[in-house]
Amino acid sequence: MKFKRARRFGTTGALVAAAFGSSIVFTPASASAESEWVCYGTQVKRCATVWWNEANDTYHARAKITDVAGGGNYEVKVTNVKLQRFTGDSMVTVRSKADTDGWHATEDVALTASVDPCIWEQSFEVVATFSWRGASSGEKTWRPNRGWSLMC
């Protein structure tokens, strides 16, 4: 017989949300392995999420950038993806991925190594650097105004 980890709701997520003015998404036991993307931008869409792998109850930071159809025909790349947690005083990087595979014609996705949230028992956030070039060029380091938590 296989036992699932018992999950409990804690106050850590609420403290992080209060400290940073962001919302917290608590991932329930029945949630899908796919997490909801939080996106920003119109011609170049920059998206990030903390990805929960239900099979082994681990988190990854994921980021993607997409040249939107009908936009300015941009080349895109995402670099420096970080999974971070709140220590009570500041955000600390738990996992990171440089993702130096270069420019892509329509979309680039990056993923950090996994972390067991039950070891850290904290909420997590993602931050990444997004770059685009074409009709105009730009680079932006961005994080969604959201945290994710899996309580153990």
C-alpha atoms as a PDB file:
ATOM      1  CA  MET A   1       0.000   0.000   0.000  1.00  0.00           C
ATOM      2  CA  LYS A   2       1.318   3.406  -0.933  1.00  0.00           C
ATOM      3  CA  PHE A   3       0.807   6.296   1.482  1.00  0.00           C
ATOM      4  CA  LYS A   4       0.605   9.868   0.269  1.00  0.00           C
ATOM      5  CA  ARG A   5       2.183  12.606   2.294  1.00  0.00           C
ATOM      6  CA  ALA A   6      -0.195  14.359   4.630  1.00  0.00           C
ATOM      7  CA  ARG A   7      -0.674  17.978   3.689  1.00  0.00           C
ATOM      8  CA  ARG A   8      -1.282  20.754   6.151  1.00  0.00           C
ATOM      9  CA  PHE A   9      -2.024  24.393   5.673  1.00  0.00           C
ATOM     10  CA  GLY A  10       0.486  26.717   7.290  1.00  0.00           C
ATOM     11  CA  THR A  11       0.890  30.441   7.744  1.00  0.00           C
ATOM     12  CA  THR A  12       4.122  30.768   5.776  1.00  0.00           C
ATOM     13  CA  GLY A  13       2.368  31.504   2.493  1.00  0.00           C
ATOM     14  CA  ALA A  14       0.235  34.192   4.074  1.00  0.00           C
ATOM     15  CA  LEU A  15       3.324  35.799   5.606  1.00  0.00           C
ATOM     16  CA  VAL A  16       5.119  35.835   2.244  1.00  0.00           C
ATOM     17  CA  ALA A  17       2.072  37.337   0.554  1.00  0.00           C
ATOM     18  CA  ALA A  18       1.773  40.023   3.197  1.00  0.00           C
ATOM     19  CA  ALA A  19       5.483  40.825   3.048  1.00  0.00           C
ATOM     20  CA  PHE A  20       5.646  41.109  -0.735  1.00  0.00           C
ATOM     21  CA  GLY A  21       2.102  42.197  -1.575  1.00  0.00           C
ATOM     22  CA  SER A  22       1.546  39.208  -3.844  1.00  0.00           C
ATOM     23  CA  SER A  23      -0.996  36.431  -3.982  1.00  0.00           C
ATOM     24  CA  ILE A  24      -0.278  32.841  -2.970  1.00  0.00           C
ATOM     25  CA  VAL A  25      -1.568  29.782  -4.798  1.00  0.00           C
ATOM     26  CA  PHE A  26      -1.780  26.695  -2.570  1.00  0.00           C
ATOM     27  CA  THR A  27      -1.460  23.552  -4.649  1.00  0.00           C
ATOM     28  CA  PRO A  28      -3.953  20.903  -3.466  1.00  0.00           C
ATOM     29  CA  ALA A  29      -3.250  17.170  -3.516  1.00  0.00           C
ATOM     30  CA  SER A  30      -5.576  16.705  -6.484  1.00  0.00           C
ATOM     31  CA  ALA A  31      -4.039  19.425  -8.657  1.00  0.00           C
ATOM     32  CA  SER A  32      -2.778  18.665 -12.130  1.00  0.00           C
ATOM     33  CA  ALA A  33       0.929  18.270 -12.812  1.00  0.00           C
ATOM     34  CA  GLU A  34       0.630  21.440 -14.855  1.00  0.00           C
ATOM     35  CA  SER A  35       0.591  24.752 -13.057  1.00  0.00           C
ATOM     36  CA  GLU A  36      -1.073  27.881 -14.330  1.00  0.00           C
ATOM     37  CA  TRP A  37       1.159  30.211 -16.345  1.00  0.00           C
ATOM     38  CA  VAL A  38       1.176  33.873 -15.363  1.00  0.00           C
ATOM     39  CA  CYS A  39       1.917  35.977 -18.465  1.00  0.00           C
ATOM     40  CA  TYR A  40       2.773  39.561 -19.353  1.00  0.00           C
ATOM     41  CA  GLY A  41       3.107  41.357 -22.701  1.00  0.00           C
ATOM     42  CA  THR A  42       1.274  41.627 -26.007  1.00  0.00           C
ATOM     43  CA  GLN A  43       3.586  41.156 -29.041  1.00  0.00           C
ATOM     44  CA  VAL A  44       6.100  39.176 -26.983  1.00  0.00           C
ATOM     45  CA  LYS A  45       4.452  37.176 -24.196  1.00  0.00           C
ATOM     46  CA  ARG A  46       6.600  36.532 -21.126  1.00  0.00           C
ATOM     47  CA  CYS A  47       5.314  33.777 -18.839  1.00  0.00           C
ATOM     48  CA  ALA A  48       6.474  32.133 -15.622  1.00  0.00           C
ATOM     49  CA  THR A  49       5.187  29.599 -13.132  1.00  0.00           C
ATOM     50  CA  VAL A  50       6.257  27.304 -10.352  1.00  0.00           C
ATOM     51  CA  TRP A  51       5.622  23.894 -11.877  1.00  0.00           C
ATOM     52  CA  TRP A  52       4.458  21.078  -9.610  1.00  0.00           C
ATOM     53  CA  ASN A  53       5.293  17.524 -10.648  1.00  0.00           C
ATOM     54  CA  GLU A  54       2.514  15.515  -9.019  1.00  0.00           C
ATOM     55  CA  ALA A  55       4.288  12.187  -9.632  1.00  0.00           C
ATOM     56  CA  ASN A  56       7.031  12.972  -7.115  1.00  0.00           C
ATOM     57  CA  ASP A  57       5.692  16.084  -5.321  1.00  0.00           C
ATOM     58  CA  THR A  58       8.505  18.370  -6.482  1.00  0.00           C
ATOM     59  CA  TYR A  59       8.623  21.945  -7.750  1.00  0.00           C
ATOM     60  CA  HIS A  60      10.498  23.504 -10.673  1.00  0.00           C
ATOM     61  CA  ALA A  61      10.633  27.104 -11.814  1.00  0.00           C
ATOM     62  CA  ARG A  62       9.556  27.408 -15.460  1.00  0.00           C
ATOM     63  CA  ALA A  63       9.682  30.391 -17.758  1.00  0.00           C
ATOM     64  CA  LYS A  64       8.797  30.846 -21.409  1.00  0.00           C
ATOM     65  CA  ILE A  65       8.778  33.646 -23.926  1.00  0.00           C
ATOM     66  CA  THR A  66       6.698  33.538 -27.107  1.00  0.00           C
ATOM     67  CA  ASP A  67       6.610  35.723 -30.219  1.00  0.00           C
ATOM     68  CA  VAL A  68       2.851  36.241 -30.550  1.00  0.00           C
ATOM     69  CA  ALA A  69       1.382  35.510 -34.008  1.00  0.00           C
ATOM     70  CA  GLY A  70       0.608  38.728 -35.877  1.00  0.00           C
ATOM     71  CA  GLY A  71       3.103  40.677 -33.771  1.00  0.00           C
ATOM     72  CA  GLY A  72       6.481  42.079 -34.723  1.00  0.00           C
ATOM     73  CA  ASN A  73       8.166  38.777 -35.748  1.00  0.00           C
ATOM     74  CA  TYR A  74      10.691  38.671 -32.897  1.00  0.00           C
ATOM     75  CA  GLU A  75      13.439  36.217 -32.007  1.00  0.00           C
ATOM     76  CA  VAL A  76      13.186  35.349 -28.319  1.00  0.00           C
ATOM     77  CA  LYS A  77      15.127  33.790 -25.450  1.00  0.00           C
ATOM     78  CA  VAL A  78      14.663  33.225 -21.734  1.00  0.00           C
ATOM     79  CA  THR A  79      17.671  33.016 -19.416  1.00  0.00           C
ATOM     80  CA  ASN A  80      18.579  33.030 -15.745  1.00  0.00           C
ATOM     81  CA  VAL A  81      15.493  31.227 -14.405  1.00  0.00           C
ATOM     82  CA  LYS A  82      15.373  31.013 -10.607  1.00  0.00           C
ATOM     83  CA  LEU A  83      13.192  29.185  -8.102  1.00  0.00           C
ATOM     84  CA  GLN A  84      13.196  31.263  -4.934  1.00  0.00           C
ATOM     85  CA  ARG A  85      11.795  30.944  -1.422  1.00  0.00           C
ATOM     86  CA  PHE A  86      11.125  33.451   1.328  1.00  0.00           C
ATOM     87  CA  THR A  87      13.366  33.093   4.418  1.00  0.00           C
ATOM     88  CA  GLY A  88      11.483  35.519   6.622  1.00  0.00           C
ATOM     89  CA  ASP A  89      13.769  38.406   5.664  1.00  0.00           C
ATOM     90  CA  SER A  90      14.386  38.045   1.931  1.00  0.00           C
ATOM     91  CA  MET A  91      14.030  35.873  -1.152  1.00  0.00           C
ATOM     92  CA  VAL A  92      16.734  33.214  -1.541  1.00  0.00           C
ATOM     93  CA  THR A  93      17.458  31.280  -4.737  1.00  0.00           C
ATOM     94  CA  VAL A  94      16.956  27.542  -4.195  1.00  0.00           C
ATOM     95  CA  ARG A  95      17.527  26.390  -7.807  1.00  0.00           C
ATOM     96  CA  SER A  96      18.623  28.227 -10.940  1.00  0.00           C
ATOM     97  CA  LYS A  97      19.139  27.524 -14.629  1.00  0.00           C
ATOM     98  CA  ALA A  98      21.281  29.776 -16.846  1.00  0.00           C
ATOM     99  CA  ASP A  99      19.681  28.350 -20.060  1.00  0.00           C
ATOM    100  CA  THR A 100      22.227  29.604 -22.566  1.00  0.00           C
ATOM    101  CA  ASP A 101      20.824  27.824 -25.633  1.00  0.00           C
ATOM    102  CA  GLY A 102      20.476  31.124 -27.520  1.00  0.00           C
ATOM    103  CA  TRP A 103      17.814  32.768 -29.661  1.00  0.00           C
ATOM    104  CA  HIS A 104      14.690  30.998 -30.944  1.00  0.00           C
ATOM    105  CA  ALA A 105      12.359  31.863 -33.824  1.00  0.00           C
ATOM    106  CA  THR A 106       9.053  31.724 -31.907  1.00  0.00           C
ATOM    107  CA  GLU A 107       9.360  30.335 -28.366  1.00  0.00           C
ATOM    108  CA  ASP A 108      11.905  29.463 -25.682  1.00  0.00           C
ATOM    109  CA  VAL A 109      11.201  27.555 -22.462  1.00  0.00           C
ATOM    110  CA  ALA A 110      13.517  27.003 -19.491  1.00  0.00           C
ATOM    111  CA  LEU A 111      13.151  24.790 -16.418  1.00  0.00           C
ATOM    112  CA  THR A 112      15.201  24.597 -13.215  1.00  0.00           C
ATOM    113  CA  ALA A 113      16.123  21.400 -11.409  1.00  0.00           C
ATOM    114  CA  SER A 114      13.516  20.155  -8.958  1.00  0.00           C
ATOM    115  CA  VAL A 115      13.201  20.769  -5.241  1.00  0.00           C
ATOM    116  CA  ASP A 116      11.215  18.871  -2.611  1.00  0.00           C
ATOM    117  CA  PRO A 117       8.931  21.486  -1.034  1.00  0.00           C
ATOM    118  CA  CYS A 118       8.525  19.324   2.070  1.00  0.00           C
ATOM    119  CA  ILE A 119      12.198  19.865   2.941  1.00  0.00           C
ATOM    120  CA  TRP A 120      11.888  23.651   2.698  1.00  0.00           C
ATOM    121  CA  GLU A 121       8.226  24.008   3.817  1.00  0.00           C
ATOM    122  CA  GLN A 122       8.047  27.458   2.295  1.00  0.00           C
ATOM    123  CA  SER A 123       6.250  29.120  -0.542  1.00  0.00           C
ATOM    124  CA  PHE A 124       8.119  29.557  -3.807  1.00  0.00           C
ATOM    125  CA  GLU A 125       8.362  32.186  -6.519  1.00  0.00           C
ATOM    126  CA  VAL A 126       9.955  32.290  -9.953  1.00  0.00           C
ATOM    127  CA  VAL A 127      11.998  35.037 -11.602  1.00  0.00           C
ATOM    128  CA  ALA A 128      13.614  34.994 -15.068  1.00  0.00           C
ATOM    129  CA  THR A 129      15.221  37.255 -17.665  1.00  0.00           C
ATOM    130  CA  PHE A 130      13.367  37.553 -20.982  1.00  0.00           C
ATOM    131  CA  SER A 131      14.954  38.960 -24.170  1.00  0.00           C
ATOM    132  CA  TRP A 132      13.616  39.726 -27.644  1.00  0.00           C
ATOM    133  CA  ARG A 133      14.952  41.230 -30.860  1.00  0.00           C
ATOM    134  CA  GLY A 134      13.366  42.180 -34.158  1.00  0.00           C
ATOM    135  CA  ALA A 135      11.443  45.365 -34.996  1.00  0.00           C
ATOM    136  CA  SER A 136      12.683  46.539 -31.595  1.00  0.00           C
ATOM    137  CA  SER A 137      14.759  44.856 -28.933  1.00  0.00           C
ATOM    138  CA  GLY A 138      14.404  44.521 -25.211  1.00  0.00           C
ATOM    139  CA  GLU A 139      15.263  42.636 -22.086  1.00  0.00           C
ATOM    140  CA  LYS A 140      13.314  42.409 -18.859  1.00  0.00           C
ATOM    141  CA  THR A 141      13.848  40.524 -15.626  1.00  0.00           C
ATOM    142  CA  TRP A 142      10.371  39.764 -14.362  1.00  0.00           C
ATOM    143  CA  ARG A 143       8.538  37.790 -11.676  1.00  0.00           C
ATOM    144  CA  PRO A 144       4.795  37.170 -11.472  1.00  0.00           C
ATOM    145  CA  ASN A 145       3.063  38.810  -8.551  1.00  0.00           C
ATOM    146  CA  ARG A 146       2.289  35.348  -7.185  1.00  0.00           C
ATOM    147  CA  GLY A 147       3.789  32.612  -5.006  1.00  0.00           C
ATOM    148  CA  TRP A 148       3.085  28.894  -4.950  1.00  0.00           C
ATOM    149  CA  SER A 149       2.982  26.549  -1.951  1.00  0.00           C
ATOM    150  CA  LEU A 150       2.621  22.831  -1.424  1.00  0.00           C
ATOM    151  CA  MET A 151       2.071  22.154   2.247  1.00  0.00           C
ATOM    152  CA  CYS A 152       3.294  18.828   3.598  1.00  0.00           C
END
